[in-house]
Amino acid sequence: MPVAIITGASKGLGRALAGALAVRGWDLVVDARSAGPLEEAARALAGAGTRVVALPGDVAEAGHRAALVAAAGELGGLDLLVNNASALGAEPLVRLADLPLEGLRRALEVNVVAPLGMIQTALPLLRRSSYWESYEADSLYRDPAPYIGEAEDRDMSDSPYYGGSDVAPGRQPGGAVLNISSDAAVEAYPTWGGYGAAKAALDRQSAVLAVEEPGLRVWWVDPGDMRTDLYAAAVPDDDADRPLPETVVPALLRLLDGAAPSGRYTAAELLHPAGTGASGGAGSR
């Protein structure tokens, strides 16, 4: 069975994606900082008949990251690494003039440094993955990967969903990295400066990784607005109705099922490809 690591998997988008993969038969290594909610999530995930290893801890700690990757190795390897855990830097969010520098450091540590640490630790297993070998002949995607080597000519909010075949001829077997981004990485929203800066750094880091590791698929995805505890902590006075994280999961599964090339995507365009007549949704923050 394929194996995935998902950080921040006790609730929200991480929990929803873990549930979808469990139903598909994926073995899972999941983490969160709070042990109780993580154990509850793990019991529910294991109910699908899959193997689940739940390790509470902080992804900012190297020892915890090593334990997550070691657990994946014990399950047989690693095919997908999902860097979903996130930190705002301030709760509620504040303007840059008032942003505590320690909060900014925390946002950068969790949103940028920790994902790279996870990737560095997991690379030996990811490079050996052969999960996507069978997809090479019939991928749903074609043409150059969005924002890889051509970012200066592209609008960062316009990653196309491609129909057709023929992806990266001759690419070597390898796993995938899914980094959860935000439209705060590319749009200037008041009070979102620290978090947005961290997500922008994650985007650039992802793009460089995709160039340096052509055998891997590296996806960085803006999931769109969602009803999550993170957003509630960021803007507690905003009571507007937002979609549940479960509505975003089909977009992420499209990347997996289509063996998509490395690039930046939004959930809206994955769910509503260009030419379908559907309009894109608001971005994630």
Protein backbone atom coordinates (compact mmCIF):
# COMPACT_ATOMS: atom_id res chain seq x y z
CA MET A 1 0.00 0.00 0.00
CA PRO A 2 1.19 3.58 -0.61
CA VAL A 3 2.31 5.58 2.41
CA ALA A 4 1.74 9.26 3.20
CA ILE A 5 2.91 11.59 5.95
CA ILE A 6 0.44 14.39 6.72
CA THR A 7 1.36 17.09 9.25
CA GLY A 8 -1.35 18.99 11.07
CA ALA A 9 -3.75 16.09 10.57
CA SER A 10 -5.92 16.19 13.69
CA LYS A 11 -8.47 18.58 12.14
CA GLY A 12 -9.14 20.85 9.20
CA LEU A 13 -7.75 20.13 5.75
CA GLY A 14 -5.11 17.71 7.01
CA ARG A 15 -7.73 15.57 8.73
CA ALA A 16 -10.03 15.67 5.69
CA LEU A 17 -7.28 14.65 3.28
CA ALA A 18 -6.13 11.88 5.62
CA GLY A 19 -9.67 10.52 5.68
CA ALA A 20 -9.89 10.45 1.90
CA LEU A 21 -6.55 8.68 1.56
CA ALA A 22 -7.46 6.16 4.26
CA VAL A 23 -10.60 5.19 2.35
CA ARG A 24 -8.40 4.66 -0.71
CA GLY A 25 -6.16 2.27 1.22
CA TRP A 26 -3.19 4.52 1.96
CA ASP A 27 -1.17 3.84 5.11
CA LEU A 28 -0.70 7.03 7.08
CA VAL A 29 1.69 8.76 9.44
CA VAL A 30 -0.07 11.74 10.99
CA ASP A 31 0.92 14.39 13.47
CA ALA A 32 -0.44 17.34 15.43
CA ARG A 33 0.67 19.25 18.48
CA SER A 34 -2.32 18.18 20.62
CA ALA A 35 -2.28 14.49 21.50
CA GLY A 36 -5.99 14.12 22.32
CA PRO A 37 -7.48 15.34 19.03
CA LEU A 38 -4.77 13.47 17.12
CA GLU A 39 -5.56 10.18 18.84
CA GLU A 40 -9.26 10.67 18.12
CA ALA A 41 -8.51 11.35 14.44
CA ALA A 42 -6.22 8.32 14.24
CA ARG A 43 -8.92 6.00 15.60
CA ALA A 44 -11.36 7.25 12.98
CA LEU A 45 -8.79 6.86 10.20
CA ALA A 46 -7.90 3.33 11.28
CA GLY A 47 -11.59 2.47 11.00
CA ALA A 48 -11.13 2.46 7.23
CA GLY A 49 -8.88 -0.58 7.61
CA THR A 50 -5.59 1.20 6.98
CA ARG A 51 -2.49 1.33 9.15
CA VAL A 52 -2.18 4.64 10.99
CA VAL A 53 0.76 5.88 13.07
CA ALA A 54 -0.09 9.00 15.10
CA LEU A 55 2.81 10.94 16.60
CA PRO A 56 1.99 14.10 18.57
CA GLY A 57 4.64 16.76 18.44
CA ASP A 58 5.91 19.99 16.90
CA VAL A 59 7.17 19.90 13.31
CA ALA A 60 9.60 22.67 14.25
CA GLU A 61 11.57 20.07 16.25
CA ALA A 62 14.09 18.02 14.29
CA GLY A 63 13.63 14.94 16.46
CA HIS A 64 9.90 14.88 15.81
CA ARG A 65 10.43 15.22 12.06
CA ALA A 66 12.87 12.32 12.14
CA ALA A 67 10.36 10.19 14.04
CA LEU A 68 7.66 10.86 11.43
CA VAL A 69 9.91 9.79 8.57
CA ALA A 70 11.16 6.75 10.50
CA ALA A 71 7.56 5.67 11.05
CA ALA A 72 6.89 5.92 7.32
CA GLY A 73 9.95 3.79 6.66
CA GLU A 74 8.62 1.13 9.00
CA LEU A 75 5.36 1.11 7.05
CA GLY A 76 7.31 0.37 3.88
CA GLY A 77 8.47 3.70 2.49
CA LEU A 78 7.05 7.09 1.59
CA ASP A 79 5.10 8.11 -1.52
CA LEU A 80 3.53 11.40 -0.45
CA LEU A 81 4.64 14.06 2.03
CA VAL A 82 1.99 16.66 2.90
CA ASN A 83 3.30 19.75 4.70
CA ASN A 84 0.03 21.06 6.07
CA ALA A 85 0.89 22.20 9.61
CA SER A 86 0.86 25.98 9.84
CA ALA A 87 1.33 28.91 12.23
CA LEU A 88 -0.10 32.42 11.93
CA GLY A 89 2.50 34.40 13.87
CA ALA A 90 -0.16 36.23 15.88
CA GLU A 91 -3.66 35.29 17.04
CA PRO A 92 -5.64 37.28 16.08
CA LEU A 93 -3.63 38.68 13.22
CA VAL A 94 -2.25 42.21 13.56
CA ARG A 95 -0.75 44.82 11.27
CA LEU A 96 2.97 44.61 10.55
CA ALA A 97 3.63 47.61 12.80
CA ASP A 98 2.36 45.54 15.73
CA LEU A 99 3.53 42.06 14.73
CA PRO A 100 5.76 40.54 17.45
CA LEU A 101 9.04 39.48 15.89
CA GLU A 102 8.92 36.26 17.87
CA GLY A 103 5.59 35.55 16.24
CA LEU A 104 7.07 36.13 12.79
CA ARG A 105 9.95 33.81 13.63
CA ARG A 106 7.46 31.15 14.69
CA ALA A 107 5.50 31.53 11.44
CA LEU A 108 8.67 31.19 9.41
CA GLU A 109 9.84 28.22 11.48
CA VAL A 110 6.61 26.26 11.07
CA ASN A 111 5.63 27.35 7.55
CA VAL A 112 9.05 27.40 5.86
CA VAL A 113 11.86 25.84 7.90
CA ALA A 114 9.91 22.82 9.15
CA PRO A 115 8.64 21.82 5.67
CA LEU A 116 12.18 21.95 4.34
CA GLY A 117 13.36 19.92 7.31
CA MET A 118 10.68 17.33 6.60
CA ILE A 119 11.67 17.22 2.94
CA GLN A 120 15.37 16.87 3.68
CA THR A 121 14.73 14.02 6.10
CA ALA A 122 12.25 12.30 3.78
CA LEU A 123 14.16 12.66 0.49
CA PRO A 124 15.83 9.22 0.56
CA LEU A 125 12.42 7.53 0.87
CA LEU A 126 10.69 9.86 -1.59
CA ARG A 127 13.35 9.29 -4.24
CA ARG A 128 12.80 5.53 -3.99
CA SER A 129 9.02 5.70 -4.37
CA SER A 130 7.63 4.01 -7.47
CA TYR A 131 3.97 4.83 -6.85
CA TRP A 132 3.58 7.11 -9.87
CA GLU A 133 5.47 4.98 -12.39
CA SER A 134 2.21 3.55 -13.72
CA TYR A 135 0.84 7.03 -14.34
CA GLU A 136 3.49 8.15 -16.81
CA ALA A 137 1.65 6.96 -19.92
CA ASP A 138 -1.81 8.29 -19.11
CA SER A 139 -1.50 11.44 -17.04
CA LEU A 140 -4.28 14.01 -17.24
CA TYR A 141 -1.67 16.77 -17.56
CA ARG A 142 0.58 17.97 -20.33
CA ASP A 143 2.85 20.91 -21.29
CA PRO A 144 5.51 22.51 -19.06
CA ALA A 145 4.86 22.47 -15.35
CA PRO A 146 3.38 25.80 -14.20
CA TYR A 147 5.90 28.26 -12.75
CA ILE A 148 8.90 25.99 -13.20
CA GLY A 149 11.51 27.89 -15.18
CA GLU A 150 8.96 30.34 -16.59
CA ALA A 151 7.58 32.19 -13.59
CA GLU A 152 8.52 35.60 -14.97
CA ASP A 153 6.03 35.12 -17.81
CA ARG A 154 3.13 33.83 -15.72
CA ASP A 155 0.58 35.28 -13.33
CA MET A 156 1.08 33.41 -10.07
CA SER A 157 -2.68 33.00 -9.63
CA ASP A 158 -3.15 31.35 -13.04
CA SER A 159 -1.88 27.76 -12.90
CA PRO A 160 -3.77 25.94 -15.65
CA TYR A 161 -5.31 22.52 -15.37
CA TYR A 162 -4.30 20.63 -18.43
CA GLY A 163 -6.19 17.96 -20.35
CA GLY A 164 -4.30 15.40 -22.42
CA SER A 165 -1.29 13.16 -21.92
CA ASP A 166 2.49 12.99 -22.03
CA VAL A 167 4.17 14.19 -18.83
CA ALA A 168 7.91 14.65 -18.43
CA PRO A 169 9.21 11.94 -20.78
CA GLY A 170 11.89 9.82 -19.17
CA ARG A 171 11.34 11.07 -15.63
CA GLN A 172 12.64 8.77 -12.92
CA PRO A 173 10.42 7.13 -10.31
CA GLY A 174 9.82 9.28 -7.27
CA GLY A 175 7.24 10.38 -4.75
CA ALA A 176 5.40 13.65 -4.28
CA VAL A 177 5.53 16.63 -1.94
CA LEU A 178 2.36 18.63 -1.34
CA ASN A 179 2.90 21.98 0.38
CA ILE A 180 -0.24 23.82 1.49
CA SER A 181 0.10 27.48 0.54
CA SER A 182 -2.28 30.44 0.60
CA ASP A 183 -3.33 33.33 -1.57
CA ALA A 184 -1.81 35.53 1.15
CA ALA A 185 1.47 34.46 -0.47
CA VAL A 186 0.61 36.44 -3.62
CA GLU A 187 -1.92 39.05 -2.46
CA ALA A 188 -1.35 41.93 -0.01
CA TYR A 189 -4.04 41.69 2.66
CA PRO A 190 -3.87 43.94 5.74
CA THR A 191 -2.81 42.01 8.88
CA TRP A 192 -1.75 38.97 6.83
CA GLY A 193 1.80 40.23 6.26
CA GLY A 194 3.72 37.84 8.49
CA TYR A 195 1.77 34.75 7.52
CA GLY A 196 1.76 35.79 3.86
CA ALA A 197 5.51 36.34 3.88
CA ALA A 198 6.03 32.85 5.27
CA LYS A 199 3.75 31.29 2.66
CA ALA A 200 5.46 33.27 -0.12
CA ALA A 201 8.77 31.84 1.05
CA LEU A 202 7.23 28.36 1.03
CA ASP A 203 6.09 28.92 -2.57
CA ARG A 204 9.57 29.93 -3.72
CA GLN A 205 11.16 27.07 -1.78
CA SER A 206 8.75 24.65 -3.46
CA ALA A 207 9.56 25.99 -6.93
CA VAL A 208 13.28 25.59 -6.39
CA LEU A 209 12.82 22.10 -4.98
CA ALA A 210 10.88 21.13 -8.11
CA VAL A 211 13.81 22.24 -10.28
CA GLU A 212 16.43 20.58 -8.10
CA GLU A 213 14.50 17.30 -7.72
CA PRO A 214 12.95 16.62 -11.16
CA GLY A 215 12.25 13.01 -10.17
CA LEU A 216 9.71 14.20 -7.60
CA ARG A 217 6.37 15.84 -8.06
CA VAL A 218 6.25 19.03 -6.00
CA TRP A 219 2.88 20.74 -5.67
CA TRP A 220 2.18 23.92 -3.74
CA VAL A 221 -1.51 24.57 -3.51
CA ASP A 222 -3.75 27.45 -2.41
CA PRO A 223 -6.77 25.58 -1.02
CA GLY A 224 -9.11 28.59 -0.99
CA ASP A 225 -11.19 29.97 1.85
CA MET A 226 -12.15 27.33 4.39
CA ARG A 227 -13.96 27.10 7.71
CA THR A 228 -11.05 26.12 9.95
CA ASP A 229 -9.83 26.77 13.47
CA LEU A 230 -6.80 28.52 11.97
CA TYR A 231 -8.95 31.09 10.18
CA ALA A 232 -11.13 31.56 13.26
CA ALA A 233 -8.01 32.27 15.31
CA ALA A 234 -6.74 34.68 12.66
CA VAL A 235 -9.94 36.71 12.32
CA PRO A 236 -12.23 35.83 15.23
CA ASP A 237 -14.77 38.54 14.39
CA ASP A 238 -15.35 37.28 10.85
CA ASP A 239 -18.44 35.09 10.96
CA ALA A 240 -18.93 34.78 7.20
CA ASP A 241 -19.89 31.31 6.04
CA ARG A 242 -17.01 29.42 4.43
CA PRO A 243 -16.73 25.98 2.81
CA LEU A 244 -15.64 23.05 4.92
CA PRO A 245 -12.15 21.63 4.27
CA GLU A 246 -13.74 18.47 2.89
CA THR A 247 -14.82 20.44 -0.18
CA VAL A 248 -11.17 21.04 -1.08
CA VAL A 249 -10.07 17.41 -0.90
CA PRO A 250 -11.28 16.49 -4.42
CA ALA A 251 -8.94 19.14 -5.82
CA LEU A 252 -5.96 17.59 -4.04
CA LEU A 253 -6.98 14.12 -5.19
CA ARG A 254 -6.98 15.42 -8.77
CA LEU A 255 -3.27 16.11 -8.41
CA LEU A 256 -2.68 12.57 -7.21
CA ASP A 257 -4.94 10.86 -9.71
CA GLY A 258 -3.66 12.92 -12.63
CA ALA A 259 0.02 12.59 -11.70
CA ALA A 260 0.20 16.36 -12.15
CA PRO A 261 3.52 18.00 -12.94
CA SER A 262 5.23 20.11 -10.32
CA GLY A 263 3.77 23.59 -9.96
CA ARG A 264 1.54 26.02 -8.08
CA TYR A 265 -2.17 25.30 -8.22
CA THR A 266 -5.35 26.61 -6.64
CA ALA A 267 -8.15 24.34 -5.52
CA ALA A 268 -10.63 26.42 -7.49
CA GLU A 269 -8.94 25.79 -10.83
CA LEU A 270 -8.44 22.11 -10.09
CA LEU A 271 -12.11 21.71 -9.27
CA HIS A 272 -13.24 23.90 -12.18
CA PRO A 273 -10.75 23.61 -15.06
CA ALA A 274 -10.56 26.41 -17.59
CA GLY A 275 -13.31 26.13 -20.17
CA THR A 276 -15.84 24.46 -17.88
CA GLY A 277 -17.68 27.72 -17.33
CA ALA A 278 -17.27 27.58 -13.55
CA SER A 279 -15.79 30.54 -11.78
CA GLY A 280 -12.90 30.39 -9.37
CA GLY A 281 -13.39 30.99 -5.69
CA ALA A 282 -11.73 33.33 -3.27
CA GLY A 283 -8.25 32.45 -2.18
CA SER A 284 -7.13 30.94 1.11
CA ARG A 285 -5.66 32.93 3.91
